[in-house]
Structure formats: structure tokens, C-alpha cells
Amino acid sequence: MAIMKERFSERYLEFWEVIRQVPEGKVATYGQIAALAGYPGNARQVGYSLHASPPEIDIPWHRIINAQGKISLPKESGHYDLQRSLLEKEGVIFKNERVNLRKYRWQP
């Protein structure tokens, strides 16, 4: 973790720590992660932190979606399909490209 502290901001490390807690079969929104990490109103920064996260930290990035219950990645990127398939393997159901946040939102 010392190497991580040298390479990434404390804010990113705190976001990642919260993201690690999202259980299988649940999702959280970018804004929810920001607020739980102590940075309300910094949803966009959560997205930036996920984009910057190195593979060795092994966080469940796929469980983070936007406040409308949608995957924010562009469909044509290929990552959209990966995120959706990972969520579906965990039992998360999509209807019209959305996840029912009342049912699947993580409530710590």
C-alpha cells in the first residue's frame, strides 16, 4: 500500500477502500461512493479514480454505476458489455439498460 500512497492521491485511495466494500450482487453510484468516502459532490472524481486504478488493486469497479441506474461506459467501447456481464453474473438484472436501484443499491 505504500507504493499506492506514493502514486495516487489520498482521495483516490479512500474511494477505492469504499468500493472494495460493495458486496457481490449490489451496485453503488459514483455519488454514493464519493459521499461515503467523505467527499460529497465529487462523483466525477470517483469515475476518474476508477479510470486511473491499476489492475493490481483488484477492486470491484463493475459495481459502480451512475445515479440513473445505468452503466456510464460507452456501449461501443467493449467495456460496457464487460461491466454488464459481470453484474449479470452476480445476479443484477437490467431492464431497458437500467438497474433498479431500489432493489440493487448497496445500503451500508
N, C-alpha and C. Protein backbone atom coordinates (compact mmCIF):
# COMPACT_ATOMS: atom_id res chain seq x y z
N MET A 1 0.82 -1.19 0.00
CA MET A 1 0.00 0.00 0.00
C MET A 1 0.86 1.26 0.00
N ALA A 2 2.08 1.15 0.47
CA ALA A 2 2.97 2.32 0.49
C ALA A 2 3.23 2.83 -0.92
N ILE A 3 3.41 1.92 -1.87
CA ILE A 3 3.61 2.33 -3.26
C ILE A 3 2.37 3.06 -3.77
N MET A 4 1.21 2.57 -3.40
CA MET A 4 -0.03 3.21 -3.83
C MET A 4 -0.11 4.64 -3.30
N LYS A 5 0.29 4.84 -2.05
CA LYS A 5 0.23 6.17 -1.46
C LYS A 5 1.15 7.14 -2.18
N GLU A 6 2.23 6.65 -2.71
CA GLU A 6 3.16 7.50 -3.45
C GLU A 6 2.60 7.86 -4.83
N ARG A 7 1.86 6.94 -5.45
CA ARG A 7 1.39 7.12 -6.83
C ARG A 7 0.03 7.78 -6.95
N PHE A 8 -0.82 7.67 -5.92
CA PHE A 8 -2.19 8.14 -6.02
C PHE A 8 -2.57 9.02 -4.85
N SER A 9 -3.53 9.89 -5.09
CA SER A 9 -3.97 10.81 -4.04
C SER A 9 -4.69 10.05 -2.93
N GLU A 10 -4.70 10.66 -1.78
CA GLU A 10 -5.41 10.08 -0.63
C GLU A 10 -6.90 9.91 -0.97
N ARG A 11 -7.44 10.85 -1.71
CA ARG A 11 -8.85 10.79 -2.11
C ARG A 11 -9.13 9.52 -2.91
N TYR A 12 -8.28 9.23 -3.89
CA TYR A 12 -8.46 8.02 -4.69
C TYR A 12 -8.39 6.78 -3.81
N LEU A 13 -7.44 6.75 -2.91
CA LEU A 13 -7.30 5.59 -2.02
C LEU A 13 -8.55 5.40 -1.17
N GLU A 14 -9.13 6.50 -0.72
CA GLU A 14 -10.35 6.42 0.08
C GLU A 14 -11.53 5.95 -0.76
N PHE A 15 -11.64 6.43 -1.99
CA PHE A 15 -12.70 5.94 -2.89
C PHE A 15 -12.56 4.44 -3.06
N TRP A 16 -11.36 3.99 -3.36
CA TRP A 16 -11.14 2.56 -3.61
C TRP A 16 -11.47 1.71 -2.39
N GLU A 17 -11.17 2.24 -1.21
CA GLU A 17 -11.47 1.50 0.01
C GLU A 17 -12.98 1.31 0.16
N VAL A 18 -13.76 2.33 -0.14
CA VAL A 18 -15.22 2.21 -0.08
C VAL A 18 -15.72 1.25 -1.16
N ILE A 19 -15.19 1.36 -2.36
CA ILE A 19 -15.61 0.48 -3.47
C ILE A 19 -15.36 -0.98 -3.13
N ARG A 20 -14.27 -1.27 -2.43
CA ARG A 20 -13.98 -2.65 -2.03
C ARG A 20 -15.08 -3.25 -1.16
N GLN A 21 -15.84 -2.41 -0.49
CA GLN A 21 -16.87 -2.88 0.43
C GLN A 21 -18.19 -3.22 -0.26
N VAL A 22 -18.38 -2.80 -1.50
CA VAL A 22 -19.64 -3.07 -2.20
C VAL A 22 -19.73 -4.58 -2.45
N PRO A 23 -20.75 -5.21 -1.89
CA PRO A 23 -20.81 -6.68 -2.00
C PRO A 23 -21.30 -7.17 -3.36
N GLU A 24 -21.01 -8.40 -3.62
CA GLU A 24 -21.46 -9.07 -4.84
C GLU A 24 -22.98 -8.98 -4.94
N GLY A 25 -23.46 -8.70 -6.15
CA GLY A 25 -24.90 -8.62 -6.38
C GLY A 25 -25.51 -7.28 -6.04
N LYS A 26 -24.68 -6.33 -5.63
CA LYS A 26 -25.14 -4.98 -5.32
C LYS A 26 -24.38 -3.97 -6.17
N VAL A 27 -24.95 -2.77 -6.29
CA VAL A 27 -24.28 -1.69 -7.00
C VAL A 27 -24.28 -0.45 -6.11
N ALA A 28 -23.42 0.49 -6.45
CA ALA A 28 -23.39 1.78 -5.79
C ALA A 28 -23.20 2.83 -6.88
N THR A 29 -23.64 4.02 -6.60
CA THR A 29 -23.46 5.10 -7.57
C THR A 29 -22.16 5.84 -7.29
N TYR A 30 -21.70 6.54 -8.31
CA TYR A 30 -20.49 7.34 -8.15
C TYR A 30 -20.65 8.34 -7.00
N GLY A 31 -21.80 8.99 -6.97
CA GLY A 31 -22.07 9.97 -5.91
C GLY A 31 -22.13 9.34 -4.53
N GLN A 32 -22.68 8.17 -4.45
CA GLN A 32 -22.76 7.44 -3.18
C GLN A 32 -21.36 7.12 -2.67
N ILE A 33 -20.49 6.66 -3.56
CA ILE A 33 -19.11 6.34 -3.16
C ILE A 33 -18.40 7.60 -2.67
N ALA A 34 -18.57 8.70 -3.41
CA ALA A 34 -17.94 9.96 -3.01
C ALA A 34 -18.40 10.37 -1.62
N ALA A 35 -19.70 10.33 -1.37
CA ALA A 35 -20.24 10.73 -0.08
C ALA A 35 -19.74 9.82 1.05
N LEU A 36 -19.75 8.52 0.82
CA LEU A 36 -19.29 7.58 1.85
C LEU A 36 -17.81 7.73 2.16
N ALA A 37 -17.05 8.18 1.17
CA ALA A 37 -15.61 8.39 1.38
C ALA A 37 -15.32 9.75 2.03
N GLY A 38 -16.37 10.56 2.21
CA GLY A 38 -16.18 11.86 2.84
C GLY A 38 -16.00 13.01 1.87
N TYR A 39 -16.36 12.78 0.61
CA TYR A 39 -16.21 13.81 -0.42
C TYR A 39 -17.53 14.00 -1.18
N PRO A 40 -18.59 14.40 -0.48
CA PRO A 40 -19.87 14.57 -1.18
C PRO A 40 -19.74 15.56 -2.33
N GLY A 41 -20.46 15.30 -3.40
CA GLY A 41 -20.41 16.17 -4.56
C GLY A 41 -19.24 15.92 -5.50
N ASN A 42 -18.49 14.87 -5.24
CA ASN A 42 -17.31 14.54 -6.06
C ASN A 42 -17.49 13.26 -6.85
N ALA A 43 -18.69 13.03 -7.37
CA ALA A 43 -18.97 11.82 -8.13
C ALA A 43 -18.04 11.66 -9.31
N ARG A 44 -17.77 12.75 -10.00
CA ARG A 44 -16.90 12.68 -11.18
C ARG A 44 -15.49 12.21 -10.80
N GLN A 45 -15.03 12.62 -9.64
CA GLN A 45 -13.70 12.20 -9.18
C GLN A 45 -13.65 10.68 -8.94
N VAL A 46 -14.77 10.11 -8.52
CA VAL A 46 -14.83 8.65 -8.36
C VAL A 46 -14.60 7.98 -9.71
N GLY A 47 -15.24 8.51 -10.74
CA GLY A 47 -15.04 7.98 -12.08
C GLY A 47 -13.59 8.09 -12.52
N TYR A 48 -12.98 9.24 -12.25
CA TYR A 48 -11.57 9.43 -12.61
C TYR A 48 -10.69 8.42 -11.85
N SER A 49 -11.03 8.19 -10.59
CA SER A 49 -10.22 7.25 -9.80
C SER A 49 -10.32 5.83 -10.35
N LEU A 50 -11.51 5.46 -10.82
CA LEU A 50 -11.67 4.13 -11.41
C LEU A 50 -10.89 4.02 -12.71
N HIS A 51 -10.92 5.06 -13.49
CA HIS A 51 -10.16 5.06 -14.75
C HIS A 51 -8.66 4.93 -14.48
N ALA A 52 -8.20 5.53 -13.40
CA ALA A 52 -6.77 5.52 -13.07
C ALA A 52 -6.32 4.30 -12.27
N SER A 53 -7.26 3.49 -11.81
CA SER A 53 -6.90 2.40 -10.92
C SER A 53 -6.08 1.32 -11.63
N PRO A 54 -4.96 0.95 -11.02
CA PRO A 54 -4.14 -0.11 -11.59
C PRO A 54 -4.77 -1.48 -11.31
N PRO A 55 -4.57 -2.44 -12.21
CA PRO A 55 -5.20 -3.76 -12.04
C PRO A 55 -4.83 -4.46 -10.73
N GLU A 56 -3.65 -4.18 -10.21
CA GLU A 56 -3.21 -4.91 -9.01
C GLU A 56 -3.99 -4.55 -7.75
N ILE A 57 -4.79 -3.49 -7.77
CA ILE A 57 -5.55 -3.17 -6.55
C ILE A 57 -6.82 -4.00 -6.43
N ASP A 58 -7.27 -4.61 -7.54
CA ASP A 58 -8.37 -5.57 -7.52
C ASP A 58 -9.61 -5.05 -6.78
N ILE A 59 -10.22 -4.03 -7.33
CA ILE A 59 -11.47 -3.51 -6.76
C ILE A 59 -12.63 -3.89 -7.67
N PRO A 60 -13.84 -4.04 -7.12
CA PRO A 60 -15.00 -4.40 -7.94
C PRO A 60 -15.56 -3.18 -8.68
N TRP A 61 -14.80 -2.66 -9.59
CA TRP A 61 -15.14 -1.46 -10.35
C TRP A 61 -16.47 -1.58 -11.06
N HIS A 62 -16.81 -2.80 -11.46
CA HIS A 62 -18.02 -3.02 -12.24
C HIS A 62 -19.30 -2.77 -11.44
N ARG A 63 -19.21 -2.68 -10.14
CA ARG A 63 -20.39 -2.46 -9.30
C ARG A 63 -20.75 -0.99 -9.15
N ILE A 64 -19.99 -0.12 -9.79
CA ILE A 64 -20.24 1.32 -9.69
C ILE A 64 -20.91 1.80 -10.97
N ILE A 65 -22.12 2.38 -10.80
CA ILE A 65 -22.91 2.85 -11.93
C ILE A 65 -23.37 4.28 -11.65
N ASN A 66 -24.06 4.88 -12.62
CA ASN A 66 -24.48 6.26 -12.41
C ASN A 66 -25.81 6.34 -11.65
N ALA A 67 -26.19 7.55 -11.30
CA ALA A 67 -27.36 7.79 -10.46
C ALA A 67 -28.68 7.43 -11.14
N GLN A 68 -28.67 7.25 -12.46
CA GLN A 68 -29.87 6.81 -13.17
C GLN A 68 -29.97 5.28 -13.23
N GLY A 69 -29.01 4.61 -12.63
CA GLY A 69 -29.00 3.15 -12.66
C GLY A 69 -28.41 2.58 -13.93
N LYS A 70 -27.68 3.40 -14.65
CA LYS A 70 -27.09 2.97 -15.93
C LYS A 70 -25.58 2.85 -15.83
N ILE A 71 -25.04 2.06 -16.73
CA ILE A 71 -23.60 1.97 -16.90
C ILE A 71 -23.16 3.21 -17.66
N SER A 72 -22.14 3.87 -17.18
CA SER A 72 -21.68 5.12 -17.80
C SER A 72 -20.72 4.92 -18.97
N LEU A 73 -20.16 3.76 -19.09
CA LEU A 73 -19.22 3.50 -20.17
C LEU A 73 -19.94 3.48 -21.52
N PRO A 74 -19.30 3.99 -22.57
CA PRO A 74 -19.93 3.96 -23.89
C PRO A 74 -20.11 2.51 -24.37
N LYS A 75 -21.25 2.22 -24.97
CA LYS A 75 -21.53 0.86 -25.43
C LYS A 75 -20.50 0.36 -26.43
N GLU A 76 -20.03 1.23 -27.28
CA GLU A 76 -19.10 0.81 -28.33
C GLU A 76 -17.69 0.54 -27.82
N SER A 77 -17.41 0.85 -26.55
CA SER A 77 -16.06 0.66 -26.03
C SER A 77 -15.71 -0.81 -25.76
N GLY A 78 -16.71 -1.65 -25.63
CA GLY A 78 -16.46 -3.04 -25.25
C GLY A 78 -16.45 -3.20 -23.74
N HIS A 79 -16.09 -2.16 -23.03
CA HIS A 79 -16.09 -2.22 -21.56
C HIS A 79 -17.51 -2.20 -21.00
N TYR A 80 -18.42 -1.59 -21.74
CA TYR A 80 -19.84 -1.59 -21.34
C TYR A 80 -20.33 -3.04 -21.21
N ASP A 81 -20.09 -3.83 -22.25
CA ASP A 81 -20.53 -5.22 -22.25
C ASP A 81 -19.87 -6.02 -21.14
N LEU A 82 -18.61 -5.75 -20.89
CA LEU A 82 -17.90 -6.44 -19.81
C LEU A 82 -18.54 -6.10 -18.46
N GLN A 83 -18.78 -4.82 -18.21
CA GLN A 83 -19.37 -4.42 -16.93
C GLN A 83 -20.76 -5.05 -16.77
N ARG A 84 -21.54 -4.97 -17.81
CA ARG A 84 -22.89 -5.54 -17.73
C ARG A 84 -22.84 -7.04 -17.48
N SER A 85 -21.98 -7.76 -18.18
CA SER A 85 -21.91 -9.21 -17.99
C SER A 85 -21.43 -9.58 -16.59
N LEU A 86 -20.49 -8.82 -16.05
CA LEU A 86 -20.02 -9.08 -14.68
C LEU A 86 -21.15 -8.87 -13.68
N LEU A 87 -21.93 -7.82 -13.86
CA LEU A 87 -23.06 -7.58 -12.97
C LEU A 87 -24.13 -8.66 -13.11
N GLU A 88 -24.41 -9.03 -14.35
CA GLU A 88 -25.43 -10.07 -14.56
C GLU A 88 -24.99 -11.41 -13.96
N LYS A 89 -23.71 -11.73 -14.01
CA LYS A 89 -23.21 -12.96 -13.39
C LYS A 89 -23.41 -12.95 -11.88
N GLU A 90 -23.49 -11.74 -11.30
CA GLU A 90 -23.71 -11.61 -9.86
C GLU A 90 -25.20 -11.54 -9.52
N GLY A 91 -26.06 -11.65 -10.55
CA GLY A 91 -27.50 -11.65 -10.31
C GLY A 91 -28.19 -10.31 -10.46
N VAL A 92 -27.47 -9.29 -10.89
CA VAL A 92 -28.06 -7.97 -11.10
C VAL A 92 -28.81 -8.00 -12.43
N ILE A 93 -30.07 -7.59 -12.40
CA ILE A 93 -30.92 -7.63 -13.59
C ILE A 93 -31.06 -6.23 -14.18
N PHE A 94 -30.95 -6.15 -15.49
CA PHE A 94 -31.13 -4.90 -16.22
C PHE A 94 -32.49 -4.93 -16.90
N LYS A 95 -33.15 -3.79 -16.91
CA LYS A 95 -34.39 -3.63 -17.66
C LYS A 95 -34.26 -2.30 -18.40
N ASN A 96 -34.32 -2.36 -19.73
CA ASN A 96 -34.14 -1.16 -20.55
C ASN A 96 -32.84 -0.44 -20.23
N GLU A 97 -31.77 -1.20 -20.13
CA GLU A 97 -30.41 -0.68 -19.89
C GLU A 97 -30.22 -0.10 -18.50
N ARG A 98 -31.15 -0.33 -17.59
CA ARG A 98 -31.05 0.22 -16.23
C ARG A 98 -31.13 -0.88 -15.18
N VAL A 99 -30.50 -0.57 -14.06
CA VAL A 99 -30.57 -1.41 -12.87
C VAL A 99 -31.56 -0.75 -11.92
N ASN A 100 -32.42 -1.52 -11.31
CA ASN A 100 -33.36 -1.00 -10.32
C ASN A 100 -32.57 -0.68 -9.04
N LEU A 101 -32.33 0.60 -8.82
CA LEU A 101 -31.54 1.00 -7.66
C LEU A 101 -32.25 0.71 -6.34
N ARG A 102 -33.56 0.70 -6.34
CA ARG A 102 -34.28 0.37 -5.10
C ARG A 102 -33.98 -1.06 -4.66
N LYS A 103 -33.79 -1.90 -5.65
CA LYS A 103 -33.54 -3.33 -5.35
C LYS A 103 -32.05 -3.64 -5.17
N TYR A 104 -31.20 -3.07 -6.00
CA TYR A 104 -29.80 -3.50 -6.04
C TYR A 104 -28.80 -2.52 -5.40
N ARG A 105 -29.25 -1.33 -5.03
CA ARG A 105 -28.30 -0.37 -4.43
C ARG A 105 -27.81 -0.89 -3.08
N TRP A 106 -26.52 -0.82 -2.91
CA TRP A 106 -25.89 -1.19 -1.65
C TRP A 106 -26.26 -0.19 -0.58
N GLN A 107 -26.69 -0.68 0.56
CA GLN A 107 -27.02 0.16 1.71
C GLN A 107 -26.11 -0.24 2.88
N PRO A 108 -24.96 0.43 3.00
CA PRO A 108 -24.03 0.04 4.08
C PRO A 108 -24.58 0.35 5.47
